[in-house]
Structure formats: structure tokens, C-alpha cells
Amino acid sequence: MLSFKVMKLDIFQSYFFGEVTFRSDKFKVNIQNQRRGKVLKLPFEIKPKNEKVIVRMTGPEDLFIEDYIPYKGESEWLEIDSDEITYFLADHQDKLDTIEIMYE
């Protein structure tokens, strides 16, 4: 499992943009709806056994949202395109502080 700590996440017109840390590295993060379908891109390569991985955002008090999203390779940023996550985040923006990527 990969765990990214959300440092900053701002809402714009139809997406969220901010910064996460993974270990000691900082990366930009973009979370938006599924205009191009469900997509997960990471700032480094992973080799999951299955195309789809579980993406979960969590916060205190057992608050979480998760989605099963196809991994589409590497990008400069952490990119998550998911209607479920984007819409939940719109209502709980300041309550989620971790992004977890689970894969085999």
C-alpha cells in the first residue's frame, strides 16, 4: 500500500489541486471528475497485478471514500479522475488527510 499525506487541497471550478507528501518527497495532486473515464496516474511507476487498484481517501473519525480505478501509468503529479471521490471531497474537503493506493 502507498500512503500520501495531503498537505494542501484547494477547490477550483470542477476539480481539486494541491500538494501531497510521500515519504520525504512532495508531489502535486489533481483530483477531478471522470471526463476521460476513471484514471489513476502516479508520479512514479508501480507494477500492479491487476489494471484496477483501490484508491481511498481517509480522515479522522473513520471518514473515508474509496473507488476502484484503472492505473494508467506515470505522470508528473498524482492524478485521480473519479466522480465518486470528487463529489465526496466537495462535501468533506477539509476532513480528509490521507490518500491510500492499494494494489497487489
Protein backbone atom coordinates (compact mmCIF):
# COMPACT_ATOMS: atom_id res chain seq x y z
CA MET A 1 0.00 0.00 0.00
CA LEU A 2 1.13 3.53 -0.80
CA SER A 3 0.16 6.33 1.58
CA PHE A 4 0.23 10.01 0.61
CA LYS A 5 -0.26 12.72 3.25
CA VAL A 6 -2.42 15.60 2.00
CA MET A 7 -0.64 18.86 2.81
CA LYS A 8 -2.91 21.21 0.87
CA LEU A 9 -6.01 20.72 -1.28
CA ASP A 10 -7.88 23.64 -2.84
CA ILE A 11 -11.13 23.51 -4.76
CA PHE A 12 -11.37 25.17 -8.15
CA GLN A 13 -14.32 25.21 -10.55
CA SER A 14 -14.68 21.46 -11.05
CA TYR A 15 -11.50 19.97 -9.61
CA PHE A 16 -9.16 19.92 -6.63
CA PHE A 17 -5.49 20.81 -6.79
CA GLY A 18 -2.88 20.68 -4.07
CA GLU A 19 0.17 19.03 -2.63
CA VAL A 20 0.88 15.65 -1.04
CA THR A 21 3.94 14.08 0.51
CA PHE A 22 5.08 10.52 0.04
CA ARG A 23 7.91 9.56 2.36
CA SER A 24 10.06 12.70 2.11
CA ASP A 25 9.04 13.69 -1.45
CA LYS A 26 6.47 16.36 -2.33
CA PHE A 27 4.16 15.99 -5.32
CA LYS A 28 1.30 17.96 -6.85
CA VAL A 29 -2.11 16.29 -6.77
CA ASN A 30 -5.07 16.80 -9.08
CA ILE A 31 -8.46 15.24 -8.36
CA GLN A 32 -11.27 15.70 -10.87
CA ASN A 33 -14.36 14.07 -12.33
CA GLN A 34 -14.26 11.33 -14.97
CA ARG A 35 -14.28 13.40 -18.16
CA ARG A 36 -11.78 10.98 -19.69
CA GLY A 37 -13.03 7.97 -17.69
CA LYS A 38 -11.68 6.76 -14.37
CA VAL A 39 -7.92 7.31 -14.26
CA LEU A 40 -5.14 6.96 -11.71
CA LYS A 41 -1.66 8.18 -12.55
CA LEU A 42 1.21 8.27 -10.08
CA PRO A 43 4.43 10.33 -10.00
CA PHE A 44 6.36 7.05 -10.15
CA GLU A 45 5.76 3.65 -11.70
CA ILE A 46 4.15 0.70 -9.94
CA LYS A 47 3.50 -2.75 -11.35
CA PRO A 48 0.10 -3.93 -10.10
CA LYS A 49 -1.03 -7.46 -10.99
CA ASN A 50 -4.47 -6.08 -11.91
CA GLU A 51 -5.19 -3.00 -14.01
CA LYS A 52 -7.52 -1.56 -11.36
CA VAL A 53 -6.39 -0.53 -7.89
CA ILE A 54 -8.26 0.74 -4.84
CA VAL A 55 -7.88 4.47 -4.18
CA ARG A 56 -9.05 5.54 -0.73
CA MET A 57 -9.09 8.94 0.92
CA THR A 58 -9.33 8.87 4.70
CA GLY A 59 -9.66 11.26 7.58
CA PRO A 60 -10.25 11.30 11.32
CA GLU A 61 -13.33 9.72 12.86
CA ASP A 62 -13.37 6.82 10.35
CA LEU A 63 -14.34 9.10 7.45
CA PHE A 64 -13.37 7.66 4.06
CA ILE A 65 -14.25 7.35 0.39
CA GLU A 66 -12.83 4.78 -1.99
CA ASP A 67 -13.08 3.81 -5.62
CA TYR A 68 -11.72 1.06 -7.84
CA ILE A 69 -9.74 2.90 -10.54
CA PRO A 70 -7.62 1.75 -13.50
CA TYR A 71 -3.92 2.53 -13.12
CA LYS A 72 -2.81 4.34 -16.28
CA GLY A 73 0.89 4.79 -15.67
CA GLU A 74 3.23 7.54 -14.66
CA SER A 75 2.74 11.31 -14.59
CA GLU A 76 4.47 14.29 -13.01
CA TRP A 77 1.60 14.52 -10.50
CA LEU A 78 -0.69 12.24 -8.55
CA GLU A 79 -3.80 12.30 -10.77
CA ILE A 80 -7.16 10.85 -9.70
CA ASP A 81 -10.16 11.05 -12.04
CA SER A 82 -13.19 9.68 -10.16
CA ASP A 83 -16.71 11.07 -9.84
CA GLU A 84 -17.23 9.30 -6.50
CA ILE A 85 -14.08 10.72 -4.91
CA THR A 86 -14.51 14.22 -6.41
CA TYR A 87 -18.13 14.61 -5.29
CA PHE A 88 -17.43 13.26 -1.79
CA LEU A 89 -14.43 15.54 -1.49
CA ALA A 90 -16.61 18.55 -2.39
CA ASP A 91 -18.62 17.92 0.79
CA HIS A 92 -15.69 16.87 3.02
CA GLN A 93 -12.69 18.79 1.66
CA ASP A 94 -11.09 19.73 4.97
CA LYS A 95 -11.83 16.40 6.64
CA LEU A 96 -9.70 14.06 4.50
CA ASP A 97 -5.95 14.00 5.06
CA THR A 98 -4.58 10.80 3.50
CA ILE A 99 -4.69 9.16 0.06
CA GLU A 100 -4.04 5.43 0.04
CA ILE A 101 -3.34 3.35 -3.08
CA MET A 102 -3.84 -0.39 -2.55
CA TYR A 103 -2.75 -2.97 -5.10
CA GLU A 104 -1.30 -6.43 -5.37
